[in-house]
Amino acid sequence: MNQENEPMNEPVALSQNIQVDNIEAAMEKVSKAIKPTMPQVIREEDDAPADKQILIRINDSDRERWKLAADKMDISMSAFIRETVNAQVSNILDCSHPINLRRYYPWAEFCLKCNMRLRG
C-alpha cells in the first residue's frame, strides 16, 4: 500500500518545486515548440513571411463588419487588416503629390508641398 501512495505524492512534490515567477520566459519557450496551424503568408512585395503578431481589442460590432468586408473581398480578416493598415501607412508616410510639385537636386529629391525628402 505504501508503494501505491508514492506515485501520487510525486506530482505534489513536483508542483511545490515549480516556480511560476517567470511566466513570460516559460510561454516563450512553449511558443517556440508549437508549430503554427495557419500558413505563414508571403506577399510578393515582402521578402519575409508574415510571422509577427499584434493584439488589438475591438467590439463585436466592429469585428462583424470587418469580417463581412474581408469576406466580400474574398480574403482572410488578417489579410484585410494588413492591407487596410498598409494603405493608411502609405498615405501617411509616402508622398503622393504630383511630380510637378517636386524639386530635383543631384543629391536628393524633395516634395515642395509636404517638404518630404523622397530620395537621396
C-alpha atoms as a PDB file:
ATOM      1  CA  MET A   1       0.000   0.000   0.000  1.00  0.00           C
ATOM      2  CA  ASN A   2       2.900   2.296   0.681  1.00  0.00           C
ATOM      3  CA  GLN A   3       4.078   1.798  -2.913  1.00  0.00           C
ATOM      4  CA  GLU A   4       0.708   2.990  -4.255  1.00  0.00           C
ATOM      5  CA  ASN A   5       0.910   6.263  -2.313  1.00  0.00           C
ATOM      6  CA  GLU A   6       4.408   7.143  -3.515  1.00  0.00           C
ATOM      7  CA  PRO A   7       3.442   7.845  -7.185  1.00  0.00           C
ATOM      8  CA  MET A   8       0.581  10.036  -6.033  1.00  0.00           C
ATOM      9  CA  ASN A   9       2.897  12.085  -3.847  1.00  0.00           C
ATOM     10  CA  GLU A  10       5.376  12.714  -6.678  1.00  0.00           C
ATOM     11  CA  PRO A  11       3.165  15.220  -8.593  1.00  0.00           C
ATOM     12  CA  VAL A  12       2.503  17.126  -5.379  1.00  0.00           C
ATOM     13  CA  ALA A  13       6.223  17.283  -4.614  1.00  0.00           C
ATOM     14  CA  LEU A  14       6.996  18.349  -8.171  1.00  0.00           C
ATOM     15  CA  SER A  15       4.335  21.044  -8.187  1.00  0.00           C
ATOM     16  CA  GLN A  16       5.731  22.505  -4.990  1.00  0.00           C
ATOM     17  CA  ASN A  17       9.170  22.781  -6.591  1.00  0.00           C
ATOM     18  CA  ILE A  18       7.917  24.559  -9.725  1.00  0.00           C
ATOM     19  CA  GLN A  19       8.361  28.306  -9.616  1.00  0.00           C
ATOM     20  CA  VAL A  20       5.913  30.460 -11.565  1.00  0.00           C
ATOM     21  CA  ASP A  21       7.938  33.648 -11.242  1.00  0.00           C
ATOM     22  CA  ASN A  22       8.813  33.949 -14.898  1.00  0.00           C
ATOM     23  CA  ILE A  23       5.705  33.097 -16.914  1.00  0.00           C
ATOM     24  CA  GLU A  24       6.895  35.109 -19.898  1.00  0.00           C
ATOM     25  CA  ALA A  25      10.042  33.010 -20.326  1.00  0.00           C
ATOM     26  CA  ALA A  26       8.049  29.813 -19.997  1.00  0.00           C
ATOM     27  CA  MET A  27       5.476  30.943 -22.567  1.00  0.00           C
ATOM     28  CA  GLU A  28       8.232  31.940 -24.984  1.00  0.00           C
ATOM     29  CA  LYS A  29       9.791  28.500 -24.641  1.00  0.00           C
ATOM     30  CA  VAL A  30       6.426  26.868 -25.300  1.00  0.00           C
ATOM     31  CA  SER A  31       5.690  29.164 -28.249  1.00  0.00           C
ATOM     32  CA  LYS A  32       8.952  28.154 -29.914  1.00  0.00           C
ATOM     33  CA  ALA A  33       7.972  24.493 -29.642  1.00  0.00           C
ATOM     34  CA  ILE A  34       4.464  24.985 -31.088  1.00  0.00           C
ATOM     35  CA  LYS A  35       4.082  24.761 -34.837  1.00  0.00           C
ATOM     36  CA  PRO A  36       1.715  27.378 -36.334  1.00  0.00           C
ATOM     37  CA  THR A  37      -1.589  25.969 -37.578  1.00  0.00           C
ATOM     38  CA  MET A  38      -2.128  28.757 -40.099  1.00  0.00           C
ATOM     39  CA  PRO A  39       0.218  29.060 -43.083  1.00  0.00           C
ATOM     40  CA  GLN A  40       2.586  31.990 -42.926  1.00  0.00           C
ATOM     41  CA  VAL A  41       1.657  34.275 -45.807  1.00  0.00           C
ATOM     42  CA  ILE A  42       4.397  35.674 -48.027  1.00  0.00           C
ATOM     43  CA  ARG A  43       3.307  38.610 -50.147  1.00  0.00           C
ATOM     44  CA  GLU A  44       5.046  39.473 -53.399  1.00  0.00           C
ATOM     45  CA  GLU A  45       6.404  42.765 -52.066  1.00  0.00           C
ATOM     46  CA  ASP A  46       7.613  41.198 -48.829  1.00  0.00           C
ATOM     47  CA  ASP A  47      10.804  39.225 -48.516  1.00  0.00           C
ATOM     48  CA  ALA A  48       9.788  37.511 -45.289  1.00  0.00           C
ATOM     49  CA  PRO A  49       6.758  35.577 -44.041  1.00  0.00           C
ATOM     50  CA  ALA A  50       4.054  37.290 -42.003  1.00  0.00           C
ATOM     51  CA  ASP A  51       5.153  35.812 -38.688  1.00  0.00           C
ATOM     52  CA  LYS A  52       4.744  38.733 -36.269  1.00  0.00           C
ATOM     53  CA  GLN A  53       1.560  39.278 -34.308  1.00  0.00           C
ATOM     54  CA  ILE A  54      -0.205  42.189 -32.697  1.00  0.00           C
ATOM     55  CA  LEU A  55      -3.130  42.113 -30.339  1.00  0.00           C
ATOM     56  CA  ILE A  56      -5.961  44.572 -30.861  1.00  0.00           C
ATOM     57  CA  ARG A  57      -9.205  44.816 -28.967  1.00  0.00           C
ATOM     58  CA  ILE A  58     -12.423  45.551 -30.844  1.00  0.00           C
ATOM     59  CA  ASN A  59     -16.092  45.239 -30.039  1.00  0.00           C
ATOM     60  CA  ASP A  60     -18.395  42.616 -31.582  1.00  0.00           C
ATOM     61  CA  SER A  61     -19.956  45.093 -33.989  1.00  0.00           C
ATOM     62  CA  ASP A  62     -16.598  46.156 -35.460  1.00  0.00           C
ATOM     63  CA  ARG A  63     -15.433  42.546 -35.714  1.00  0.00           C
ATOM     64  CA  GLU A  64     -18.546  41.507 -37.603  1.00  0.00           C
ATOM     65  CA  ARG A  65     -18.234  44.435 -40.023  1.00  0.00           C
ATOM     66  CA  TRP A  66     -14.534  43.766 -40.625  1.00  0.00           C
ATOM     67  CA  LYS A  67     -15.259  40.074 -41.186  1.00  0.00           C
ATOM     68  CA  LEU A  68     -18.050  40.905 -43.680  1.00  0.00           C
ATOM     69  CA  ALA A  69     -15.736  43.273 -45.551  1.00  0.00           C
ATOM     70  CA  ALA A  70     -12.976  40.659 -45.679  1.00  0.00           C
ATOM     71  CA  ASP A  71     -15.435  38.020 -46.891  1.00  0.00           C
ATOM     72  CA  LYS A  72     -16.707  40.382 -49.557  1.00  0.00           C
ATOM     73  CA  MET A  73     -13.123  40.891 -50.775  1.00  0.00           C
ATOM     74  CA  ASP A  74     -12.614  37.087 -50.585  1.00  0.00           C
ATOM     75  CA  ILE A  75      -9.579  37.361 -48.280  1.00  0.00           C
ATOM     76  CA  SER A  76      -8.921  36.474 -44.662  1.00  0.00           C
ATOM     77  CA  MET A  77      -9.638  39.038 -41.988  1.00  0.00           C
ATOM     78  CA  SER A  78      -5.921  39.111 -41.169  1.00  0.00           C
ATOM     79  CA  ALA A  79      -5.067  39.953 -44.794  1.00  0.00           C
ATOM     80  CA  PHE A  80      -7.854  42.550 -44.840  1.00  0.00           C
ATOM     81  CA  ILE A  81      -6.451  44.281 -41.756  1.00  0.00           C
ATOM     82  CA  ARG A  82      -2.876  44.168 -43.130  1.00  0.00           C
ATOM     83  CA  GLU A  83      -3.923  45.649 -46.478  1.00  0.00           C
ATOM     84  CA  THR A  84      -6.073  48.345 -44.878  1.00  0.00           C
ATOM     85  CA  VAL A  85      -3.409  49.386 -42.385  1.00  0.00           C
ATOM     86  CA  ASN A  86      -0.633  49.319 -45.006  1.00  0.00           C
ATOM     87  CA  ALA A  87      -2.713  51.557 -47.309  1.00  0.00           C
ATOM     88  CA  GLN A  88      -3.184  54.046 -44.473  1.00  0.00           C
ATOM     89  CA  VAL A  89       0.523  53.911 -43.593  1.00  0.00           C
ATOM     90  CA  SER A  90       1.399  54.658 -47.230  1.00  0.00           C
ATOM     91  CA  ASN A  91      -0.925  57.676 -47.172  1.00  0.00           C
ATOM     92  CA  ILE A  92       0.773  58.973 -44.043  1.00  0.00           C
ATOM     93  CA  LEU A  93       4.421  58.158 -44.746  1.00  0.00           C
ATOM     94  CA  ASP A  94       4.730  58.255 -48.537  1.00  0.00           C
ATOM     95  CA  CYS A  95       4.371  61.401 -50.597  1.00  0.00           C
ATOM     96  CA  SER A  96       1.564  61.146 -53.150  1.00  0.00           C
ATOM     97  CA  HIS A  97       1.790  64.660 -54.585  1.00  0.00           C
ATOM     98  CA  PRO A  98       2.185  65.131 -58.346  1.00  0.00           C
ATOM     99  CA  ILE A  99       5.632  65.119 -59.927  1.00  0.00           C
ATOM    100  CA  ASN A 100       5.362  68.810 -60.870  1.00  0.00           C
ATOM    101  CA  LEU A 101       5.486  69.634 -57.136  1.00  0.00           C
ATOM    102  CA  ARG A 102       8.909  68.056 -56.760  1.00  0.00           C
ATOM    103  CA  ARG A 103      12.323  69.690 -56.757  1.00  0.00           C
ATOM    104  CA  TYR A 104      15.219  67.637 -58.082  1.00  0.00           C
ATOM    105  CA  TYR A 105      18.802  68.057 -56.974  1.00  0.00           C
ATOM    106  CA  PRO A 106      21.765  65.820 -57.858  1.00  0.00           C
ATOM    107  CA  TRP A 107      21.897  64.642 -54.229  1.00  0.00           C
ATOM    108  CA  ALA A 108      18.171  64.431 -53.400  1.00  0.00           C
ATOM    109  CA  GLU A 109      14.562  64.883 -54.431  1.00  0.00           C
ATOM    110  CA  PHE A 110      12.067  66.892 -52.370  1.00  0.00           C
ATOM    111  CA  CYS A 111       8.308  67.456 -52.454  1.00  0.00           C
ATOM    112  CA  LEU A 112       7.504  71.173 -52.368  1.00  0.00           C
ATOM    113  CA  LYS A 113       4.010  70.519 -50.974  1.00  0.00           C
ATOM    114  CA  CYS A 114       4.853  68.391 -47.914  1.00  0.00           C
ATOM    115  CA  ASN A 115       8.612  69.130 -47.643  1.00  0.00           C
ATOM    116  CA  MET A 116       9.372  65.413 -47.650  1.00  0.00           C
ATOM    117  CA  ARG A 117      12.773  64.182 -48.793  1.00  0.00           C
ATOM    118  CA  LEU A 118      11.941  61.498 -51.323  1.00  0.00           C
ATOM    119  CA  ARG A 119      15.330  60.303 -52.488  1.00  0.00           C
ATOM    120  CA  GLY A 120      18.948  60.730 -51.529  1.00  0.00           C
END
